[in-house]
């Protein structure tokens, strides 16, 4: 049985000027942060969420949503368990793509580039900002490993709490930390009627950021 979905809903009205290459005159991080701030101001859930793409050992793509914890000229920062699927995949193939999507604002950003682990100092600074429960969760979960039941998972969290005590500090596990994507391509997408969307891409060519408009 074949189903045709067609167009979904009316076209979104234009509420901001057309995206132009000049919007990147201040560098891609400035515009990226501006769009994230607009998502925050609009009250969108998880405005710093991004879909992370990696490849497995067979070269097959894998995607999942992670939270961006920093964005600047040095790259895009997120944290995870290094022994998780994404951690092991990035260790084997240290290159990634991430996409931010804010549908109500008709904004999207896709960033691609090589990936490296952050320093222990960067990891510790972020770790110390996390709620105690989240820190215990990092100790309790053997991320990406199978487990028999939810009850077993909850029991591991209880065990982690008992192991570290009620008031004791919860240290950073040696298998947990940050990754930083060093962008070599950043594309900004702005939705427009009739699928005539605006796409502006900046690429690092011979240490110079080149800006170009792409057809939708």
N, C-alpha and C. Protein backbone atom coordinates (compact mmCIF):
# COMPACT_ATOMS: atom_id res chain seq x y z
N UNK A 1 0.84 -1.19 0.00
CA UNK A 1 0.00 0.00 0.00
C UNK A 1 0.88 1.24 0.00
N UNK A 2 0.61 2.14 -0.91
CA UNK A 2 1.41 3.35 -1.03
C UNK A 2 0.67 4.54 -0.43
N UNK A 3 1.36 5.30 0.39
CA UNK A 3 0.76 6.48 1.02
C UNK A 3 1.51 7.72 0.57
N UNK A 4 0.77 8.74 0.16
CA UNK A 4 1.38 10.00 -0.24
C UNK A 4 1.04 11.04 0.82
N UNK A 5 2.07 11.62 1.41
CA UNK A 5 1.85 12.58 2.49
C UNK A 5 1.69 14.00 1.97
N UNK A 6 2.27 14.30 0.82
CA UNK A 6 2.14 15.65 0.27
C UNK A 6 2.75 16.71 1.16
N UNK A 7 2.26 17.93 1.01
CA UNK A 7 2.72 19.04 1.84
C UNK A 7 1.98 19.01 3.18
N UNK A 8 2.70 19.30 4.25
CA UNK A 8 2.11 19.26 5.58
C UNK A 8 1.89 20.69 6.08
N UNK A 9 0.64 21.12 6.16
CA UNK A 9 0.32 22.44 6.72
C UNK A 9 0.60 23.58 5.77
N UNK A 10 0.13 24.79 6.11
CA UNK A 10 0.34 25.96 5.27
C UNK A 10 1.79 26.42 5.32
N UNK A 11 2.18 27.19 4.32
CA UNK A 11 3.53 27.74 4.32
C UNK A 11 3.69 28.72 5.47
N UNK A 12 4.86 28.70 6.07
CA UNK A 12 5.15 29.58 7.19
C UNK A 12 5.35 31.02 6.69
N UNK A 13 4.72 32.00 7.33
CA UNK A 13 4.92 33.38 6.89
C UNK A 13 6.35 33.84 7.14
N UNK A 14 6.84 34.72 6.27
CA UNK A 14 8.18 35.26 6.41
C UNK A 14 8.16 36.30 7.53
N UNK A 15 8.99 36.12 8.54
CA UNK A 15 8.98 37.02 9.69
C UNK A 15 10.34 37.68 9.92
N UNK A 16 11.33 37.41 9.07
CA UNK A 16 12.63 38.04 9.21
C UNK A 16 13.22 38.23 7.82
N UNK A 17 14.19 39.12 7.67
CA UNK A 17 14.81 39.34 6.36
C UNK A 17 15.47 38.07 5.84
N UNK A 18 15.72 38.06 4.54
CA UNK A 18 16.40 36.91 3.94
C UNK A 18 17.83 36.79 4.45
N UNK A 19 18.20 35.56 4.74
CA UNK A 19 19.56 35.24 5.14
C UNK A 19 20.52 35.61 4.01
N UNK A 20 21.55 36.37 4.34
CA UNK A 20 22.53 36.81 3.35
C UNK A 20 23.94 36.45 3.81
N UNK A 21 24.88 36.31 2.86
CA UNK A 21 26.27 36.03 3.25
C UNK A 21 26.83 37.05 4.23
N UNK A 22 26.35 38.29 4.17
CA UNK A 22 26.85 39.34 5.07
C UNK A 22 26.54 39.04 6.53
N UNK A 23 25.56 38.16 6.79
CA UNK A 23 25.25 37.81 8.17
C UNK A 23 26.42 37.08 8.82
N UNK A 24 27.35 36.60 8.01
CA UNK A 24 28.51 35.87 8.53
C UNK A 24 29.76 36.74 8.59
N UNK A 25 29.59 38.04 8.39
CA UNK A 25 30.75 38.94 8.45
C UNK A 25 31.45 38.87 9.80
N UNK A 26 30.70 38.61 10.87
CA UNK A 26 31.29 38.51 12.20
C UNK A 26 31.76 37.12 12.55
N UNK A 27 31.72 36.20 11.57
CA UNK A 27 32.12 34.82 11.82
C UNK A 27 30.92 33.93 12.10
N UNK A 28 31.06 32.66 11.78
CA UNK A 28 29.94 31.74 11.96
C UNK A 28 29.52 31.56 13.42
N UNK A 29 30.46 31.57 14.42
CA UNK A 29 30.00 31.36 15.80
C UNK A 29 29.03 32.44 16.28
N UNK A 30 29.22 33.68 15.84
CA UNK A 30 28.34 34.76 16.29
C UNK A 30 26.91 34.52 15.82
N UNK A 31 26.74 34.12 14.56
CA UNK A 31 25.40 33.87 14.05
C UNK A 31 24.81 32.61 14.69
N UNK A 32 25.63 31.58 14.90
CA UNK A 32 25.14 30.36 15.55
C UNK A 32 24.62 30.65 16.95
N UNK A 33 25.39 31.44 17.72
CA UNK A 33 24.95 31.77 19.08
C UNK A 33 23.69 32.62 19.04
N UNK A 34 23.59 33.53 18.07
CA UNK A 34 22.39 34.36 17.94
C UNK A 34 21.16 33.50 17.70
N UNK A 35 21.28 32.51 16.82
CA UNK A 35 20.13 31.66 16.54
C UNK A 35 19.77 30.79 17.74
N UNK A 36 20.77 30.33 18.49
CA UNK A 36 20.47 29.57 19.71
C UNK A 36 19.76 30.48 20.72
N UNK A 37 20.23 31.71 20.87
CA UNK A 37 19.58 32.66 21.79
C UNK A 37 18.15 32.94 21.37
N UNK A 38 17.89 33.03 20.08
CA UNK A 38 16.53 33.24 19.60
C UNK A 38 15.64 32.06 19.95
N UNK A 39 16.20 30.85 19.87
CA UNK A 39 15.44 29.65 20.24
C UNK A 39 15.12 29.65 21.73
N UNK A 40 16.08 30.12 22.54
CA UNK A 40 15.86 30.23 23.99
C UNK A 40 14.74 31.25 24.25
N UNK A 41 14.84 32.42 23.62
CA UNK A 41 13.85 33.48 23.82
C UNK A 41 12.46 33.05 23.37
N UNK A 42 12.40 32.18 22.36
CA UNK A 42 11.11 31.69 21.86
C UNK A 42 10.52 30.60 22.76
N UNK A 43 11.28 30.17 23.77
CA UNK A 43 10.81 29.15 24.69
C UNK A 43 10.79 27.75 24.10
N UNK A 44 11.61 27.50 23.09
CA UNK A 44 11.65 26.17 22.49
C UNK A 44 12.32 25.17 23.44
N UNK A 45 11.81 23.94 23.51
CA UNK A 45 12.42 22.95 24.41
C UNK A 45 13.80 22.54 23.92
N UNK A 46 14.73 22.37 24.86
CA UNK A 46 16.10 21.93 24.56
C UNK A 46 16.68 22.71 23.36
N UNK A 47 16.79 24.03 23.48
CA UNK A 47 17.28 24.82 22.34
C UNK A 47 18.71 24.51 21.93
N UNK A 48 19.47 23.88 22.82
CA UNK A 48 20.86 23.51 22.50
C UNK A 48 21.00 22.06 22.05
N UNK A 49 19.87 21.41 21.75
CA UNK A 49 19.93 20.02 21.28
C UNK A 49 20.42 19.98 19.83
N UNK A 50 21.24 18.98 19.53
CA UNK A 50 21.75 18.81 18.17
C UNK A 50 21.83 17.33 17.85
N UNK A 51 21.55 16.98 16.61
CA UNK A 51 21.65 15.59 16.18
C UNK A 51 23.09 15.34 15.74
N UNK A 52 23.72 14.37 16.39
CA UNK A 52 25.12 14.03 16.14
C UNK A 52 25.19 12.81 15.23
N UNK A 53 25.90 12.94 14.12
CA UNK A 53 26.10 11.82 13.21
C UNK A 53 27.52 11.30 13.25
N UNK A 54 27.66 9.99 13.39
CA UNK A 54 28.96 9.30 13.36
C UNK A 54 28.83 8.10 12.42
N UNK A 55 29.89 7.34 12.25
CA UNK A 55 29.82 6.10 11.48
C UNK A 55 30.35 4.95 12.33
N UNK A 56 29.74 3.77 12.14
CA UNK A 56 30.19 2.61 12.91
C UNK A 56 31.33 1.90 12.17
N UNK A 57 31.72 0.75 12.69
CA UNK A 57 32.85 0.03 12.12
C UNK A 57 32.63 -0.46 10.70
N UNK A 58 31.36 -0.56 10.29
CA UNK A 58 31.04 -0.98 8.92
C UNK A 58 30.81 0.20 7.99
N UNK A 59 31.05 1.41 8.51
CA UNK A 59 30.83 2.60 7.70
C UNK A 59 29.38 3.02 7.61
N UNK A 60 28.53 2.45 8.46
CA UNK A 60 27.11 2.81 8.45
C UNK A 60 26.87 4.02 9.34
N UNK A 61 26.03 4.96 8.90
CA UNK A 61 25.78 6.15 9.70
C UNK A 61 24.95 5.85 10.94
N UNK A 62 25.25 6.56 12.03
CA UNK A 62 24.51 6.46 13.29
C UNK A 62 24.20 7.88 13.77
N UNK A 63 22.98 8.11 14.19
CA UNK A 63 22.60 9.44 14.68
C UNK A 63 21.91 9.32 16.03
N UNK A 64 22.07 10.38 16.82
CA UNK A 64 21.38 10.50 18.10
C UNK A 64 21.45 11.97 18.51
N UNK A 65 20.61 12.37 19.45
CA UNK A 65 20.57 13.76 19.89
C UNK A 65 21.44 13.92 21.14
N UNK A 66 22.29 14.94 21.13
CA UNK A 66 23.11 15.29 22.29
C UNK A 66 22.91 16.79 22.55
N UNK A 67 23.45 17.27 23.66
CA UNK A 67 23.31 18.68 24.01
C UNK A 67 24.62 19.41 23.80
N UNK A 68 24.56 20.50 23.07
CA UNK A 68 25.72 21.36 22.87
C UNK A 68 26.00 22.10 24.18
N UNK A 69 27.24 22.06 24.63
CA UNK A 69 27.62 22.73 25.87
C UNK A 69 28.63 23.84 25.66
N UNK A 70 28.84 24.22 24.42
CA UNK A 70 29.73 25.33 24.13
C UNK A 70 29.90 25.47 22.63
N UNK A 71 29.96 26.72 22.16
CA UNK A 71 30.15 26.95 20.74
C UNK A 71 30.96 28.22 20.56
N UNK A 72 32.02 28.15 19.77
CA UNK A 72 32.90 29.29 19.58
C UNK A 72 33.88 29.03 18.47
N UNK A 73 34.86 29.91 18.32
CA UNK A 73 35.83 29.77 17.25
C UNK A 73 36.63 28.48 17.35
N UNK A 74 36.72 27.92 18.57
CA UNK A 74 37.46 26.67 18.74
C UNK A 74 36.61 25.44 18.47
N UNK A 75 35.30 25.63 18.21
CA UNK A 75 34.47 24.50 17.84
C UNK A 75 33.21 24.34 18.66
N UNK A 76 32.62 23.16 18.53
CA UNK A 76 31.35 22.82 19.18
C UNK A 76 31.63 21.73 20.21
N UNK A 77 31.15 21.94 21.42
CA UNK A 77 31.50 21.09 22.56
C UNK A 77 30.31 20.30 23.05
N UNK A 78 30.54 19.01 23.33
CA UNK A 78 29.53 18.18 24.01
C UNK A 78 30.26 17.15 24.85
N UNK A 79 29.52 16.53 25.78
CA UNK A 79 30.12 15.57 26.71
C UNK A 79 29.38 14.25 26.65
N UNK A 80 30.10 13.17 26.94
CA UNK A 80 29.49 11.86 26.88
C UNK A 80 30.38 10.83 27.56
N UNK A 81 29.89 9.59 27.58
CA UNK A 81 30.66 8.45 28.04
C UNK A 81 31.55 7.98 26.89
N UNK A 82 32.86 7.98 27.09
CA UNK A 82 33.77 7.59 26.01
C UNK A 82 33.60 6.13 25.61
N UNK A 83 32.99 5.32 26.46
CA UNK A 83 32.79 3.91 26.15
C UNK A 83 31.43 3.63 25.52
N UNK A 84 30.63 4.69 25.28
CA UNK A 84 29.35 4.53 24.61
C UNK A 84 29.57 4.25 23.13
N UNK A 85 28.50 3.96 22.40
CA UNK A 85 28.62 3.72 20.97
C UNK A 85 29.26 4.93 20.28
N UNK A 86 28.75 6.13 20.58
CA UNK A 86 29.30 7.31 19.90
C UNK A 86 30.73 7.57 20.31
N UNK A 87 31.06 7.32 21.57
CA UNK A 87 32.43 7.51 22.03
C UNK A 87 33.40 6.60 21.31
N UNK A 88 33.03 5.33 21.16
CA UNK A 88 33.91 4.37 20.49
C UNK A 88 33.98 4.65 18.99
N UNK A 89 32.87 5.06 18.40
CA UNK A 89 32.86 5.38 16.97
C UNK A 89 33.72 6.60 16.67
N UNK A 90 33.66 7.61 17.54
CA UNK A 90 34.48 8.80 17.33
C UNK A 90 35.96 8.52 17.57
N UNK A 91 36.26 7.57 18.44
CA UNK A 91 37.65 7.18 18.64
C UNK A 91 38.21 6.50 17.39
N UNK A 92 37.36 5.71 16.72
CA UNK A 92 37.79 4.99 15.52
C UNK A 92 37.80 5.89 14.29
N UNK A 93 36.79 6.76 14.19
CA UNK A 93 36.67 7.68 13.05
C UNK A 93 36.39 9.06 13.63
N UNK A 94 37.41 9.84 13.93
CA UNK A 94 37.22 11.12 14.62
C UNK A 94 36.75 12.25 13.71
N UNK A 95 35.54 12.07 13.18
CA UNK A 95 34.93 13.07 12.31
C UNK A 95 33.43 12.98 12.54
N UNK A 96 32.75 14.13 12.59
CA UNK A 96 31.33 14.11 12.91
C UNK A 96 30.59 15.22 12.20
N UNK A 97 29.28 15.07 12.17
CA UNK A 97 28.37 16.10 11.68
C UNK A 97 27.30 16.30 12.75
N UNK A 98 26.95 17.57 13.02
CA UNK A 98 25.86 17.85 13.95
C UNK A 98 24.89 18.81 13.27
N UNK A 99 23.61 18.65 13.59
CA UNK A 99 22.57 19.53 13.05
C UNK A 99 21.68 20.03 14.16
N UNK A 100 21.56 21.35 14.24
CA UNK A 100 20.58 22.00 15.11
C UNK A 100 19.35 22.27 14.25
N UNK A 101 18.15 22.02 14.79
CA UNK A 101 16.93 22.30 14.04
C UNK A 101 15.92 22.97 14.96
N UNK A 102 15.49 24.18 14.58
CA UNK A 102 14.47 24.92 15.32
C UNK A 102 13.32 25.19 14.37
N UNK A 103 12.46 24.19 14.20
CA UNK A 103 11.40 24.26 13.19
C UNK A 103 10.49 25.48 13.33
N UNK A 104 10.05 25.86 14.55
CA UNK A 104 9.17 27.02 14.65
C UNK A 104 9.81 28.32 14.17
N UNK A 105 11.14 28.38 14.17
CA UNK A 105 11.84 29.58 13.71
C UNK A 105 12.32 29.45 12.26
N UNK A 106 12.11 28.27 11.66
CA UNK A 106 12.59 27.99 10.30
C UNK A 106 14.10 28.18 10.20
N UNK A 107 14.81 27.72 11.23
CA UNK A 107 16.27 27.82 11.27
C UNK A 107 16.89 26.44 11.43
N UNK A 108 18.00 26.24 10.77
CA UNK A 108 18.77 25.00 10.92
C UNK A 108 20.24 25.31 10.68
N UNK A 109 21.10 24.65 11.44
CA UNK A 109 22.55 24.78 11.24
C UNK A 109 23.15 23.38 11.19
N UNK A 110 24.00 23.13 10.21
CA UNK A 110 24.72 21.86 10.12
C UNK A 110 26.22 22.16 10.14
N UNK A 111 26.92 21.49 11.04
CA UNK A 111 28.36 21.71 11.25
C UNK A 111 29.08 20.38 11.08
N UNK A 112 30.17 20.39 10.30
CA UNK A 112 30.93 19.17 10.05
C UNK A 112 32.41 19.44 10.27
N UNK A 113 33.10 18.41 10.81
CA UNK A 113 34.53 18.57 10.97
C UNK A 113 35.15 17.48 11.82
N UNK A 114 36.47 17.49 11.94
CA UNK A 114 37.17 16.51 12.78
C UNK A 114 36.86 16.73 14.26
N UNK A 115 37.03 15.67 15.02
CA UNK A 115 36.66 15.67 16.44
C UNK A 115 37.88 15.30 17.28
N UNK A 116 37.98 15.94 18.45
CA UNK A 116 39.04 15.61 19.39
C UNK A 116 38.48 15.62 20.81
N UNK A 117 39.13 14.89 21.69
CA UNK A 117 38.74 14.91 23.10
C UNK A 117 39.19 16.23 23.73
N UNK A 118 38.42 16.70 24.68
CA UNK A 118 38.80 17.91 25.40
C UNK A 118 39.82 17.56 26.49
N UNK A 119 40.43 18.58 27.05
CA UNK A 119 41.36 18.38 28.15
C UNK A 119 40.61 17.96 29.41
N UNK A 120 41.34 17.40 30.37
CA UNK A 120 40.74 17.02 31.66
C UNK A 120 40.21 18.24 32.38
N UNK A 121 40.86 19.39 32.20
CA UNK A 121 40.43 20.62 32.87
C UNK A 121 39.08 21.08 32.34
N UNK A 122 38.88 21.03 31.02
CA UNK A 122 37.60 21.42 30.43
C UNK A 122 36.50 20.48 30.91
N UNK A 123 36.80 19.19 30.92
CA UNK A 123 35.82 18.21 31.40
C UNK A 123 35.45 18.47 32.86
N UNK A 124 36.45 18.72 33.70
CA UNK A 124 36.20 18.95 35.13
C UNK A 124 35.35 20.19 35.36
N UNK A 125 35.62 21.25 34.61
CA UNK A 125 34.83 22.48 34.76
C UNK A 125 33.36 22.22 34.48
N UNK A 126 33.08 21.48 33.42
CA UNK A 126 31.67 21.19 33.13
C UNK A 126 31.09 20.20 34.13
N UNK A 127 31.84 19.17 34.47
CA UNK A 127 31.36 18.15 35.41
C UNK A 127 30.92 18.79 36.73
N UNK A 128 31.69 19.75 37.21
CA UNK A 128 31.38 20.38 38.49
C UNK A 128 30.13 21.27 38.43
N UNK A 129 29.67 21.58 37.22
CA UNK A 129 28.45 22.38 37.08
C UNK A 129 27.20 21.50 37.02
N UNK A 130 27.38 20.20 36.92
CA UNK A 130 26.24 19.29 36.77
C UNK A 130 25.59 19.00 38.12
N UNK A 131 24.27 18.78 38.14
CA UNK A 131 23.61 18.37 39.39
C UNK A 131 24.19 17.04 39.88
N UNK A 132 24.12 16.83 41.17
CA UNK A 132 24.66 15.60 41.74
C UNK A 132 24.03 14.36 41.12
N UNK A 133 22.72 14.42 40.89
CA UNK A 133 22.04 13.27 40.30
C UNK A 133 22.58 12.90 38.93
N UNK A 134 22.90 13.90 38.12
CA UNK A 134 23.45 13.64 36.79
C UNK A 134 24.84 13.04 36.90
N UNK A 135 25.61 13.50 37.88
CA UNK A 135 26.95 12.93 38.07
C UNK A 135 26.86 11.46 38.50
N UNK A 136 25.93 11.17 39.41
CA UNK A 136 25.75 9.78 39.82
C UNK A 136 25.28 8.93 38.65
N UNK A 137 24.41 9.51 37.79
CA UNK A 137 23.92 8.77 36.63
C UNK A 137 25.04 8.36 35.70
N UNK A 138 26.06 9.22 35.56
CA UNK A 138 27.19 8.88 34.71
C UNK A 138 27.96 7.68 35.26
N UNK A 139 28.01 7.56 36.59
CA UNK A 139 28.65 6.40 37.23
C UNK A 139 27.77 5.16 37.12
N UNK A 140 26.45 5.36 37.18
CA UNK A 140 25.53 4.21 37.24
C UNK A 140 25.33 3.54 35.88
N UNK A 141 25.33 4.33 34.81
CA UNK A 141 24.98 3.78 33.50
C UNK A 141 26.20 3.31 32.72
N UNK A 142 26.17 2.08 32.28
CA UNK A 142 27.17 1.56 31.34
C UNK A 142 26.63 1.86 29.95
N UNK A 143 26.77 3.08 29.53
CA UNK A 143 26.05 3.61 28.37
C UNK A 143 26.21 2.73 27.12
N UNK A 144 25.07 2.48 26.48
CA UNK A 144 24.95 1.70 25.24
C UNK A 144 25.04 0.19 25.47
N UNK A 145 25.26 -0.26 26.72
CA UNK A 145 25.31 -1.70 27.00
C UNK A 145 23.89 -2.21 27.31
N UNK A 146 23.56 -3.44 26.93
CA UNK A 146 22.25 -4.01 27.25
C UNK A 146 22.06 -4.16 28.75
N UNK A 147 20.81 -4.12 29.20
CA UNK A 147 20.47 -4.35 30.60
C UNK A 147 19.11 -5.04 30.64
N UNK A 148 18.90 -5.88 31.63
CA UNK A 148 17.72 -6.74 31.66
C UNK A 148 16.42 -5.98 31.89
N UNK A 149 16.44 -4.97 32.74
CA UNK A 149 15.18 -4.31 33.09
C UNK A 149 15.43 -2.90 33.61
N UNK A 150 14.34 -2.13 33.68
CA UNK A 150 14.42 -0.80 34.27
C UNK A 150 14.77 -0.89 35.75
N UNK A 151 14.26 -1.92 36.41
CA UNK A 151 14.55 -2.10 37.83
C UNK A 151 16.06 -2.27 38.05
N UNK A 152 16.71 -3.01 37.16
CA UNK A 152 18.16 -3.19 37.28
C UNK A 152 18.89 -1.87 37.09
N UNK A 153 18.40 -1.05 36.15
CA UNK A 153 19.03 0.25 35.91
C UNK A 153 18.87 1.15 37.14
N UNK A 154 17.67 1.17 37.71
CA UNK A 154 17.44 1.97 38.92
C UNK A 154 18.32 1.49 40.07
N UNK A 155 18.50 0.17 40.16
CA UNK A 155 19.33 -0.39 41.23
C UNK A 155 20.77 0.07 41.09
N UNK A 156 21.26 0.21 39.86
CA UNK A 156 22.63 0.67 39.64
C UNK A 156 22.80 2.12 40.11
N UNK A 157 21.76 2.94 39.95
CA UNK A 157 21.83 4.32 40.42
C UNK A 157 21.86 4.35 41.95
N UNK A 158 21.07 3.50 42.58
CA UNK A 158 21.08 3.42 44.04
C UNK A 158 22.46 2.99 44.52
N UNK A 159 23.03 2.00 43.86
CA UNK A 159 24.36 1.52 44.24
C UNK A 159 25.40 2.63 44.09
N UNK A 160 25.30 3.42 43.03
CA UNK A 160 26.25 4.51 42.82
C UNK A 160 26.13 5.54 43.93
N UNK A 161 24.90 5.84 44.34
CA UNK A 161 24.69 6.79 45.42
C UNK A 161 25.27 6.30 46.73
N UNK A 162 25.11 5.02 47.00
CA UNK A 162 25.65 4.45 48.23
C UNK A 162 27.17 4.40 48.20
N UNK A 163 27.71 4.12 47.05
CA UNK A 163 29.17 4.03 46.92
C UNK A 163 29.84 5.38 47.16
N UNK A 164 29.21 6.46 46.71
CA UNK A 164 29.82 7.79 46.82
C UNK A 164 29.35 8.56 48.05
N UNK A 165 28.38 8.00 48.77
CA UNK A 165 27.94 8.65 49.99
C UNK A 165 27.01 9.81 49.73
N UNK A 166 26.33 10.23 50.77
CA UNK A 166 25.31 11.28 50.64
C UNK A 166 25.93 12.65 50.39
N UNK A 167 26.96 12.97 51.13
CA UNK A 167 27.55 14.31 51.05
C UNK A 167 28.92 14.34 50.36
N UNK A 168 29.44 13.19 50.03
CA UNK A 168 30.78 13.14 49.43
C UNK A 168 30.77 13.67 48.00
N UNK A 169 31.91 14.17 47.57
CA UNK A 169 32.05 14.64 46.20
C UNK A 169 31.97 13.45 45.25
N UNK A 170 31.41 13.69 44.06
CA UNK A 170 31.32 12.65 43.03
C UNK A 170 32.33 13.00 41.94
N UNK A 171 33.42 12.27 41.85
CA UNK A 171 34.48 12.61 40.89
C UNK A 171 34.10 12.26 39.45
N UNK A 172 34.88 12.77 38.52
CA UNK A 172 34.65 12.46 37.11
C UNK A 172 35.13 11.03 36.83
N UNK A 173 34.29 10.18 36.24
CA UNK A 173 34.78 8.85 35.85
C UNK A 173 35.87 8.98 34.79
N UNK A 174 36.81 8.08 34.78
CA UNK A 174 37.89 8.17 33.80
C UNK A 174 37.43 7.84 32.39
N UNK A 175 36.21 7.32 32.25
CA UNK A 175 35.66 6.97 30.93
C UNK A 175 34.67 8.03 30.43
N UNK A 176 34.66 9.20 31.05
CA UNK A 176 33.66 10.22 30.72
C UNK A 176 34.36 11.54 30.44
N UNK A 177 33.87 12.28 29.44
CA UNK A 177 34.49 13.57 29.15
C UNK A 177 33.92 14.24 27.92
N UNK A 178 34.62 15.25 27.44
CA UNK A 178 34.12 16.06 26.35
C UNK A 178 34.73 15.72 25.01
N UNK A 179 33.98 16.07 23.97
CA UNK A 179 34.46 16.05 22.59
C UNK A 179 34.27 17.45 22.02
N UNK A 180 35.19 17.85 21.18
CA UNK A 180 35.05 19.13 20.49
C UNK A 180 35.15 18.89 18.99
N UNK A 181 34.14 19.36 18.27
CA UNK A 181 34.15 19.30 16.81
C UNK A 181 34.83 20.57 16.31
N UNK A 182 35.86 20.41 15.51
CA UNK A 182 36.58 21.54 14.92
C UNK A 182 36.01 21.77 13.52
N UNK A 183 35.09 22.71 13.35
CA UNK A 183 34.37 22.83 12.08
C UNK A 183 35.27 23.15 10.89
N UNK A 184 34.95 22.49 9.78
CA UNK A 184 35.54 22.87 8.51
C UNK A 184 34.45 23.23 7.50
N UNK A 185 33.18 23.02 7.90
CA UNK A 185 32.04 23.41 7.09
C UNK A 185 30.87 23.71 8.01
N UNK A 186 30.25 24.88 7.82
CA UNK A 186 29.07 25.27 8.61
C UNK A 186 28.03 25.81 7.64
N UNK A 187 26.84 25.22 7.66
CA UNK A 187 25.77 25.68 6.78
C UNK A 187 24.58 26.19 7.59
N UNK A 188 24.12 27.38 7.25
CA UNK A 188 22.93 27.97 7.85
C UNK A 188 21.78 27.86 6.86
N UNK A 189 20.65 27.36 7.34
CA UNK A 189 19.44 27.16 6.52
C UNK A 189 18.32 28.00 7.11
N UNK A 190 17.61 28.72 6.25
CA UNK A 190 16.48 29.54 6.67
C UNK A 190 15.29 29.19 5.78
N UNK A 191 14.21 28.72 6.38
CA UNK A 191 13.06 28.29 5.61
C UNK A 191 12.37 29.44 4.90
N UNK A 192 11.90 29.17 3.67
CA UNK A 192 11.18 30.14 2.88
C UNK A 192 10.05 29.46 2.12
N UNK A 193 9.00 30.23 1.72
CA UNK A 193 7.87 29.64 1.00
C UNK A 193 8.30 28.97 -0.30
N UNK A 194 7.46 28.02 -0.75
CA UNK A 194 7.65 27.33 -2.02
C UNK A 194 8.96 26.53 -2.07
N UNK A 195 9.46 26.15 -0.91
CA UNK A 195 10.71 25.38 -0.80
C UNK A 195 11.91 26.13 -1.35
N UNK A 196 11.78 27.44 -1.53
CA UNK A 196 12.91 28.24 -2.01
C UNK A 196 13.69 28.76 -0.81
N UNK A 197 14.23 27.83 -0.05
CA UNK A 197 14.90 28.15 1.19
C UNK A 197 16.24 28.84 0.95
N UNK A 198 16.68 29.59 1.96
CA UNK A 198 17.99 30.21 1.92
C UNK A 198 19.02 29.29 2.57
N UNK A 199 20.13 29.06 1.87
CA UNK A 199 21.22 28.24 2.40
C UNK A 199 22.53 29.00 2.18
N UNK A 200 23.21 29.29 3.28
CA UNK A 200 24.51 29.94 3.21
C UNK A 200 25.52 29.03 3.90
N UNK A 201 26.56 28.67 3.17
CA UNK A 201 27.58 27.77 3.72
C UNK A 201 28.92 28.49 3.78
N UNK A 202 29.62 28.28 4.88
CA UNK A 202 30.99 28.77 5.00
C UNK A 202 31.90 27.57 5.18
N UNK A 203 33.02 27.56 4.44
CA UNK A 203 33.96 26.43 4.46
C UNK A 203 35.37 26.95 4.70
N UNK A 204 36.13 26.14 5.43
CA UNK A 204 37.51 26.49 5.70
C UNK A 204 38.38 25.97 4.55
N UNK A 205 38.93 26.91 3.78
CA UNK A 205 39.77 26.57 2.63
C UNK A 205 41.12 27.26 2.79
N UNK A 206 42.17 26.47 2.96
CA UNK A 206 43.51 27.03 3.15
C UNK A 206 43.54 28.06 4.28
N UNK A 207 42.90 27.69 5.39
CA UNK A 207 42.86 28.51 6.60
C UNK A 207 42.05 29.80 6.44
N UNK A 208 41.24 29.89 5.39
CA UNK A 208 40.38 31.05 5.18
C UNK A 208 38.93 30.56 5.07
N UNK A 209 38.02 31.25 5.79
CA UNK A 209 36.60 30.89 5.74
C UNK A 209 35.97 31.52 4.50
N UNK A 210 35.59 30.67 3.54
CA UNK A 210 34.93 31.09 2.31
C UNK A 210 33.41 30.97 2.50
N UNK A 211 32.66 31.94 2.00
CA UNK A 211 31.21 31.97 2.17
C UNK A 211 30.55 31.86 0.80
N UNK A 212 29.52 31.02 0.69
CA UNK A 212 28.83 30.85 -0.58
C UNK A 212 27.35 30.55 -0.34
N UNK A 213 26.51 30.95 -1.30
CA UNK A 213 25.09 30.63 -1.25
C UNK A 213 24.86 29.35 -2.03
N UNK A 214 24.03 28.47 -1.47
CA UNK A 214 23.67 27.21 -2.11
C UNK A 214 22.21 27.24 -2.56
N UNK A 215 21.92 26.58 -3.64
CA UNK A 215 20.53 26.45 -4.07
C UNK A 215 19.79 25.50 -3.13
N UNK A 216 18.50 25.74 -2.90
CA UNK A 216 17.75 24.88 -1.97
C UNK A 216 17.49 23.49 -2.55
